[in-house]
Amino acid sequence: MHASILTDHADLAQLTARRDMPVLAQVAVRAAYLITLWSLRHNTRKQLQWLNPKQLEDIGISHRDALIECSKPFWRP
């Protein structure tokens, strides 16, 4: 549910482009967005490493691809 929110950069741009929003508020919104995105990536990658081969097959990811994804730092997409 929240993953679709985080991938919609248009909503973030629209929210922070409001003329009536102070610059500090725009910075805070962007920071909160980024921290939430990083947290989601970290948690998703952490859960991915515990999936068994059948579960990986079900979601269409090879074991090798899962290892590569799990080895990425949270700030890398």
PDB file of N, CA and C in Angstrom:
ATOM      1  N   MET A   1       0.822  -1.185   0.000  1.00  0.00           N
ATOM      2  CA  MET A   1       0.000   0.000   0.000  1.00  0.00           C
ATOM      3  C   MET A   1       0.871   1.256   0.000  1.00  0.00           C
ATOM      4  N   HIS A   2       1.811   1.376   0.934  1.00  0.00           N
ATOM      5  CA  HIS A   2       2.622   2.575   1.001  1.00  0.00           C
ATOM      6  C   HIS A   2       3.706   2.606  -0.061  1.00  0.00           C
ATOM      7  N   ALA A   3       4.030   1.477  -0.659  1.00  0.00           N
ATOM      8  CA  ALA A   3       5.051   1.455  -1.701  1.00  0.00           C
ATOM      9  C   ALA A   3       4.613   2.264  -2.912  1.00  0.00           C
ATOM     10  N   SER A   4       3.326   2.213  -3.246  1.00  0.00           N
ATOM     11  CA  SER A   4       2.845   2.986  -4.395  1.00  0.00           C
ATOM     12  C   SER A   4       2.930   4.472  -4.110  1.00  0.00           C
ATOM     13  N   ILE A   5       2.773   4.865  -2.875  1.00  0.00           N
ATOM     14  CA  ILE A   5       2.887   6.272  -2.515  1.00  0.00           C
ATOM     15  C   ILE A   5       4.327   6.730  -2.703  1.00  0.00           C
ATOM     16  N   LEU A   6       5.264   5.885  -2.308  1.00  0.00           N
ATOM     17  CA  LEU A   6       6.664   6.263  -2.370  1.00  0.00           C
ATOM     18  C   LEU A   6       7.219   6.289  -3.780  1.00  0.00           C
ATOM     19  N   THR A   7       6.593   5.617  -4.692  1.00  0.00           N
ATOM     20  CA  THR A   7       7.109   5.611  -6.051  1.00  0.00           C
ATOM     21  C   THR A   7       6.482   6.712  -6.898  1.00  0.00           C
ATOM     22  N   ASP A   8       5.542   7.443  -6.353  1.00  0.00           N
ATOM     23  CA  ASP A   8       4.885   8.495  -7.109  1.00  0.00           C
ATOM     24  C   ASP A   8       5.560   9.833  -6.816  1.00  0.00           C
ATOM     25  N   HIS A   9       6.628  10.109  -7.553  1.00  0.00           N
ATOM     26  CA  HIS A   9       7.389  11.334  -7.345  1.00  0.00           C
ATOM     27  C   HIS A   9       6.589  12.567  -7.744  1.00  0.00           C
ATOM     28  N   ALA A  10       5.594  12.395  -8.588  1.00  0.00           N
ATOM     29  CA  ALA A  10       4.761  13.526  -8.995  1.00  0.00           C
ATOM     30  C   ALA A  10       4.008  14.098  -7.796  1.00  0.00           C
ATOM     31  N   ASP A  11       3.520  13.227  -6.919  1.00  0.00           N
ATOM     32  CA  ASP A  11       2.822  13.700  -5.724  1.00  0.00           C
ATOM     33  C   ASP A  11       3.766  14.484  -4.819  1.00  0.00           C
ATOM     34  N   LEU A  12       4.984  13.992  -4.660  1.00  0.00           N
ATOM     35  CA  LEU A  12       5.963  14.701  -3.842  1.00  0.00           C
ATOM     36  C   LEU A  12       6.275  16.065  -4.448  1.00  0.00           C
ATOM     37  N   ALA A  13       6.475  16.096  -5.746  1.00  0.00           N
ATOM     38  CA  ALA A  13       6.768  17.364  -6.418  1.00  0.00           C
ATOM     39  C   ALA A  13       5.610  18.340  -6.271  1.00  0.00           C
ATOM     40  N   GLN A  14       4.398  17.840  -6.400  1.00  0.00           N
ATOM     41  CA  GLN A  14       3.222  18.702  -6.271  1.00  0.00           C
ATOM     42  C   GLN A  14       3.094  19.232  -4.840  1.00  0.00           C
ATOM     43  N   LEU A  15       3.340  18.379  -3.875  1.00  0.00           N
ATOM     44  CA  LEU A  15       3.227  18.775  -2.481  1.00  0.00           C
ATOM     45  C   LEU A  15       4.260  19.832  -2.106  1.00  0.00           C
ATOM     46  N   THR A  16       5.489  19.654  -2.544  1.00  0.00           N
ATOM     47  CA  THR A  16       6.545  20.591  -2.168  1.00  0.00           C
ATOM     48  C   THR A  16       6.593  21.824  -3.061  1.00  0.00           C
ATOM     49  N   ALA A  17       5.838  21.842  -4.142  1.00  0.00           N
ATOM     50  CA  ALA A  17       5.833  22.995  -5.052  1.00  0.00           C
ATOM     51  C   ALA A  17       4.789  24.039  -4.677  1.00  0.00           C
ATOM     52  N   ARG A  18       4.030  23.776  -3.641  1.00  0.00           N
ATOM     53  CA  ARG A  18       3.005  24.738  -3.233  1.00  0.00           C
ATOM     54  C   ARG A  18       3.656  26.052  -2.831  1.00  0.00           C
ATOM     55  N   ARG A  19       3.131  27.130  -3.336  1.00  0.00           N
ATOM     56  CA  ARG A  19       3.690  28.459  -3.066  1.00  0.00           C
ATOM     57  C   ARG A  19       3.487  28.887  -1.612  1.00  0.00           C
ATOM     58  N   ASP A  20       2.435  28.386  -0.984  1.00  0.00           N
ATOM     59  CA  ASP A  20       2.139  28.807   0.383  1.00  0.00           C
ATOM     60  C   ASP A  20       2.905  28.003   1.428  1.00  0.00           C
ATOM     61  N   MET A  21       3.696  27.020   0.997  1.00  0.00           N
ATOM     62  CA  MET A  21       4.451  26.195   1.938  1.00  0.00           C
ATOM     63  C   MET A  21       5.825  26.826   2.168  1.00  0.00           C
ATOM     64  N   PRO A  22       6.168  27.082   3.423  1.00  0.00           N
ATOM     65  CA  PRO A  22       7.499  27.644   3.710  1.00  0.00           C
ATOM     66  C   PRO A  22       8.616  26.703   3.252  1.00  0.00           C
ATOM     67  N   VAL A  23       9.757  27.276   2.956  1.00  0.00           N
ATOM     68  CA  VAL A  23      10.885  26.505   2.459  1.00  0.00           C
ATOM     69  C   VAL A  23      11.284  25.431   3.461  1.00  0.00           C
ATOM     70  N   LEU A  24      11.295  25.765   4.734  1.00  0.00           N
ATOM     71  CA  LEU A  24      11.669  24.776   5.749  1.00  0.00           C
ATOM     72  C   LEU A  24      10.690  23.607   5.763  1.00  0.00           C
ATOM     73  N   ALA A  25       9.425  23.870   5.550  1.00  0.00           N
ATOM     74  CA  ALA A  25       8.427  22.796   5.488  1.00  0.00           C
ATOM     75  C   ALA A  25       8.670  21.918   4.268  1.00  0.00           C
ATOM     76  N   GLN A  26       9.041  22.521   3.145  1.00  0.00           N
ATOM     77  CA  GLN A  26       9.350  21.745   1.942  1.00  0.00           C
ATOM     78  C   GLN A  26      10.540  20.824   2.198  1.00  0.00           C
ATOM     79  N   VAL A  27      11.544  21.339   2.874  1.00  0.00           N
ATOM     80  CA  VAL A  27      12.724  20.532   3.205  1.00  0.00           C
ATOM     81  C   VAL A  27      12.323  19.383   4.134  1.00  0.00           C
ATOM     82  N   ALA A  28      11.480  19.680   5.112  1.00  0.00           N
ATOM     83  CA  ALA A  28      11.041  18.644   6.054  1.00  0.00           C
ATOM     84  C   ALA A  28      10.247  17.550   5.348  1.00  0.00           C
ATOM     85  N   VAL A  29       9.377  17.930   4.413  1.00  0.00           N
ATOM     86  CA  VAL A  29       8.586  16.945   3.673  1.00  0.00           C
ATOM     87  C   VAL A  29       9.500  16.066   2.831  1.00  0.00           C
ATOM     88  N   ARG A  30      10.451  16.666   2.151  1.00  0.00           N
ATOM     89  CA  ARG A  30      11.391  15.890   1.338  1.00  0.00           C
ATOM     90  C   ARG A  30      12.234  14.949   2.202  1.00  0.00           C
ATOM     91  N   ALA A  31      12.666  15.429   3.353  1.00  0.00           N
ATOM     92  CA  ALA A  31      13.459  14.584   4.256  1.00  0.00           C
ATOM     93  C   ALA A  31      12.626  13.415   4.774  1.00  0.00           C
ATOM     94  N   ALA A  32      11.399  13.682   5.159  1.00  0.00           N
ATOM     95  CA  ALA A  32      10.524  12.606   5.648  1.00  0.00           C
ATOM     96  C   ALA A  32      10.273  11.583   4.546  1.00  0.00           C
ATOM     97  N   TYR A  33      10.063  12.055   3.327  1.00  0.00           N
ATOM     98  CA  TYR A  33       9.859  11.170   2.181  1.00  0.00           C
ATOM     99  C   TYR A  33      11.076  10.276   1.979  1.00  0.00           C
ATOM    100  N   LEU A  34      12.248  10.882   1.999  1.00  0.00           N
ATOM    101  CA  LEU A  34      13.485  10.139   1.755  1.00  0.00           C
ATOM    102  C   LEU A  34      13.742   9.111   2.859  1.00  0.00           C
ATOM    103  N   ILE A  35      13.547   9.497   4.094  1.00  0.00           N
ATOM    104  CA  ILE A  35      13.754   8.569   5.213  1.00  0.00           C
ATOM    105  C   ILE A  35      12.778   7.404   5.123  1.00  0.00           C
ATOM    106  N   THR A  36      11.533   7.683   4.773  1.00  0.00           N
ATOM    107  CA  THR A  36      10.534   6.621   4.623  1.00  0.00           C
ATOM    108  C   THR A  36      10.900   5.686   3.477  1.00  0.00           C
ATOM    109  N   LEU A  37      11.355   6.239   2.379  1.00  0.00           N
ATOM    110  CA  LEU A  37      11.774   5.433   1.233  1.00  0.00           C
ATOM    111  C   LEU A  37      12.954   4.535   1.604  1.00  0.00           C
ATOM    112  N   TRP A  38      13.941   5.105   2.282  1.00  0.00           N
ATOM    113  CA  TRP A  38      15.102   4.325   2.704  1.00  0.00           C
ATOM    114  C   TRP A  38      14.698   3.213   3.655  1.00  0.00           C
ATOM    115  N   SER A  39      13.796   3.512   4.572  1.00  0.00           N
ATOM    116  CA  SER A  39      13.328   2.506   5.531  1.00  0.00           C
ATOM    117  C   SER A  39      12.612   1.370   4.807  1.00  0.00           C
ATOM    118  N   LEU A  40      11.786   1.716   3.843  1.00  0.00           N
ATOM    119  CA  LEU A  40      11.075   0.707   3.060  1.00  0.00           C
ATOM    120  C   LEU A  40      12.054  -0.188   2.306  1.00  0.00           C
ATOM    121  N   ARG A  41      13.055   0.416   1.678  1.00  0.00           N
ATOM    122  CA  ARG A  41      14.069  -0.378   0.966  1.00  0.00           C
ATOM    123  C   ARG A  41      14.815  -1.308   1.911  1.00  0.00           C
ATOM    124  N   HIS A  42      15.219  -0.788   3.049  1.00  0.00           N
ATOM    125  CA  HIS A  42      15.951  -1.593   4.025  1.00  0.00           C
ATOM    126  C   HIS A  42      15.121  -2.790   4.479  1.00  0.00           C
ATOM    127  N   ASN A  43      13.879  -2.534   4.849  1.00  0.00           N
ATOM    128  CA  ASN A  43      13.016  -3.608   5.345  1.00  0.00           C
ATOM    129  C   ASN A  43      12.688  -4.631   4.262  1.00  0.00           C
ATOM    130  N   THR A  44      12.448  -4.167   3.057  1.00  0.00           N
ATOM    131  CA  THR A  44      12.135  -5.070   1.950  1.00  0.00           C
ATOM    132  C   THR A  44      13.321  -5.973   1.642  1.00  0.00           C
ATOM    133  N   ARG A  45      14.493  -5.389   1.588  1.00  0.00           N
ATOM    134  CA  ARG A  45      15.693  -6.179   1.302  1.00  0.00           C
ATOM    135  C   ARG A  45      15.996  -7.149   2.437  1.00  0.00           C
ATOM    136  N   LYS A  46      15.745  -6.745   3.650  1.00  0.00           N
ATOM    137  CA  LYS A  46      15.950  -7.621   4.804  1.00  0.00           C
ATOM    138  C   LYS A  46      15.012  -8.825   4.733  1.00  0.00           C
ATOM    139  N   GLN A  47      13.761  -8.595   4.361  1.00  0.00           N
ATOM    140  CA  GLN A  47      12.801  -9.693   4.237  1.00  0.00           C
ATOM    141  C   GLN A  47      13.119 -10.579   3.042  1.00  0.00           C
ATOM    142  N   LEU A  48      13.630 -10.003   1.973  1.00  0.00           N
ATOM    143  CA  LEU A  48      13.960 -10.767   0.773  1.00  0.00           C
ATOM    144  C   LEU A  48      15.005 -11.842   1.050  1.00  0.00           C
ATOM    145  N   GLN A  49      15.938 -11.557   1.925  1.00  0.00           N
ATOM    146  CA  GLN A  49      17.004 -12.528   2.199  1.00  0.00           C
ATOM    147  C   GLN A  49      16.494 -13.774   2.914  1.00  0.00           C
ATOM    148  N   TRP A  50      15.304 -13.728   3.499  1.00  0.00           N
ATOM    149  CA  TRP A  50      14.767 -14.872   4.227  1.00  0.00           C
ATOM    150  C   TRP A  50      13.813 -15.723   3.393  1.00  0.00           C
ATOM    151  N   LEU A  51      13.556 -15.333   2.152  1.00  0.00           N
ATOM    152  CA  LEU A  51      12.654 -16.119   1.311  1.00  0.00           C
ATOM    153  C   LEU A  51      13.355 -17.386   0.830  1.00  0.00           C
ATOM    154  N   ASN A  52      12.598 -18.470   0.789  1.00  0.00           N
ATOM    155  CA  ASN A  52      13.172 -19.729   0.302  1.00  0.00           C
ATOM    156  C   ASN A  52      13.084 -19.759  -1.230  1.00  0.00           C
ATOM    157  N   PRO A  53      13.748 -20.716  -1.880  1.00  0.00           N
ATOM    158  CA  PRO A  53      13.762 -20.762  -3.352  1.00  0.00           C
ATOM    159  C   PRO A  53      12.365 -20.803  -3.976  1.00  0.00           C
ATOM    160  N   LYS A  54      11.428 -21.507  -3.357  1.00  0.00           N
ATOM    161  CA  LYS A  54      10.062 -21.573  -3.900  1.00  0.00           C
ATOM    162  C   LYS A  54       9.388 -20.199  -3.857  1.00  0.00           C
ATOM    163  N   GLN A  55       9.579 -19.492  -2.764  1.00  0.00           N
ATOM    164  CA  GLN A  55       8.993 -18.158  -2.641  1.00  0.00           C
ATOM    165  C   GLN A  55       9.625 -17.186  -3.638  1.00  0.00           C
ATOM    166  N   LEU A  56      10.926 -17.291  -3.828  1.00  0.00           N
ATOM    167  CA  LEU A  56      11.596 -16.446  -4.822  1.00  0.00           C
ATOM    168  C   LEU A  56      11.067 -16.743  -6.218  1.00  0.00           C
ATOM    169  N   GLU A  57      10.878 -18.019  -6.503  1.00  0.00           N
ATOM    170  CA  GLU A  57      10.329 -18.414  -7.803  1.00  0.00           C
ATOM    171  C   GLU A  57       8.925 -17.838  -7.985  1.00  0.00           C
ATOM    172  N   ASP A  58       8.129 -17.862  -6.925  1.00  0.00           N
ATOM    173  CA  ASP A  58       6.765 -17.338  -6.999  1.00  0.00           C
ATOM    174  C   ASP A  58       6.719 -15.854  -7.358  1.00  0.00           C
ATOM    175  N   ILE A  59       7.704 -15.108  -6.892  1.00  0.00           N
ATOM    176  CA  ILE A  59       7.711 -13.671  -7.195  1.00  0.00           C
ATOM    177  C   ILE A  59       8.593 -13.332  -8.395  1.00  0.00           C
ATOM    178  N   GLY A  60       9.162 -14.364  -9.010  1.00  0.00           N
ATOM    179  CA  GLY A  60       9.912 -14.172 -10.250  1.00  0.00           C
ATOM    180  C   GLY A  60      11.313 -13.626 -10.070  1.00  0.00           C
ATOM    181  N   ILE A  61      11.955 -13.970  -8.953  1.00  0.00           N
ATOM    182  CA  ILE A  61      13.314 -13.501  -8.696  1.00  0.00           C
ATOM    183  C   ILE A  61      14.215 -14.717  -8.500  1.00  0.00           C
ATOM    184  N   SER A  62      15.354 -14.706  -9.170  1.00  0.00           N
ATOM    185  CA  SER A  62      16.306 -15.804  -8.985  1.00  0.00           C
ATOM    186  C   SER A  62      17.058 -15.605  -7.670  1.00  0.00           C
ATOM    187  N   HIS A  63      17.663 -16.666  -7.202  1.00  0.00           N
ATOM    188  CA  HIS A  63      18.441 -16.592  -5.962  1.00  0.00           C
ATOM    189  C   HIS A  63      19.583 -15.585  -6.119  1.00  0.00           C
ATOM    190  N   ARG A  64      20.209 -15.601  -7.268  1.00  0.00           N
ATOM    191  CA  ARG A  64      21.311 -14.671  -7.545  1.00  0.00           C
ATOM    192  C   ARG A  64      20.829 -13.224  -7.514  1.00  0.00           C
ATOM    193  N   ASP A  65      19.692 -12.947  -8.161  1.00  0.00           N
ATOM    194  CA  ASP A  65      19.140 -11.592  -8.157  1.00  0.00           C
ATOM    195  C   ASP A  65      18.775 -11.140  -6.745  1.00  0.00           C
ATOM    196  N   ALA A  66      18.251 -12.067  -5.947  1.00  0.00           N
ATOM    197  CA  ALA A  66      17.907 -11.743  -4.560  1.00  0.00           C
ATOM    198  C   ALA A  66      19.165 -11.382  -3.770  1.00  0.00           C
ATOM    199  N   LEU A  67      20.247 -12.131  -3.969  1.00  0.00           N
ATOM    200  CA  LEU A  67      21.494 -11.829  -3.273  1.00  0.00           C
ATOM    201  C   LEU A  67      22.037 -10.460  -3.676  1.00  0.00           C
ATOM    202  N   ILE A  68      21.951 -10.156  -4.952  1.00  0.00           N
ATOM    203  CA  ILE A  68      22.412  -8.850  -5.445  1.00  0.00           C
ATOM    204  C   ILE A  68      21.582  -7.736  -4.821  1.00  0.00           C
ATOM    205  N   GLU A  69      20.271  -7.907  -4.814  1.00  0.00           N
ATOM    206  CA  GLU A  69      19.384  -6.887  -4.243  1.00  0.00           C
ATOM    207  C   GLU A  69      19.637  -6.711  -2.749  1.00  0.00           C
ATOM    208  N   CYS A  70      19.828  -7.808  -2.037  1.00  0.00           N
ATOM    209  CA  CYS A  70      20.056  -7.749  -0.586  1.00  0.00           C
ATOM    210  C   CYS A  70      21.388  -7.097  -0.239  1.00  0.00           C
ATOM    211  N   SER A  71      22.353  -7.160  -1.154  1.00  0.00           N
ATOM    212  CA  SER A  71      23.661  -6.585  -0.870  1.00  0.00           C
ATOM    213  C   SER A  71      23.715  -5.072  -1.095  1.00  0.00           C
ATOM    214  N   LYS A  72      22.699  -4.507  -1.694  1.00  0.00           N
ATOM    215  CA  LYS A  72      22.677  -3.066  -1.943  1.00  0.00           C
ATOM    216  C   LYS A  72      22.442  -2.301  -0.643  1.00  0.00           C
ATOM    217  N   PRO A  73      23.106  -1.156  -0.496  1.00  0.00           N
ATOM    218  CA  PRO A  73      22.799  -0.311   0.652  1.00  0.00           C
ATOM    219  C   PRO A  73      21.419   0.339   0.485  1.00  0.00           C
ATOM    220  N   PHE A  74      20.827   0.744   1.585  1.00  0.00           N
ATOM    221  CA  PHE A  74      19.460   1.255   1.546  1.00  0.00           C
ATOM    222  C   PHE A  74      19.280   2.498   0.695  1.00  0.00           C
ATOM    223  N   TRP A  75      20.322   3.265   0.481  1.00  0.00           N
ATOM    224  CA  TRP A  75      20.172   4.499  -0.291  1.00  0.00           C
ATOM    225  C   TRP A  75      20.224   4.272  -1.798  1.00  0.00           C
ATOM    226  N   ARG A  76      20.620   3.068  -2.221  1.00  0.00           N
ATOM    227  CA  ARG A  76      20.659   2.780  -3.663  1.00  0.00           C
ATOM    228  C   ARG A  76      19.348   2.168  -4.122  1.00  0.00           C
ATOM    229  N   PRO A  77      18.786   2.673  -5.211  1.00  0.00           N
ATOM    230  CA  PRO A  77      17.541   2.075  -5.732  1.00  0.00           C
ATOM    231  C   PRO A  77      17.773   0.710  -6.332  1.00  0.00           C
TER     232      PRO A  77
END
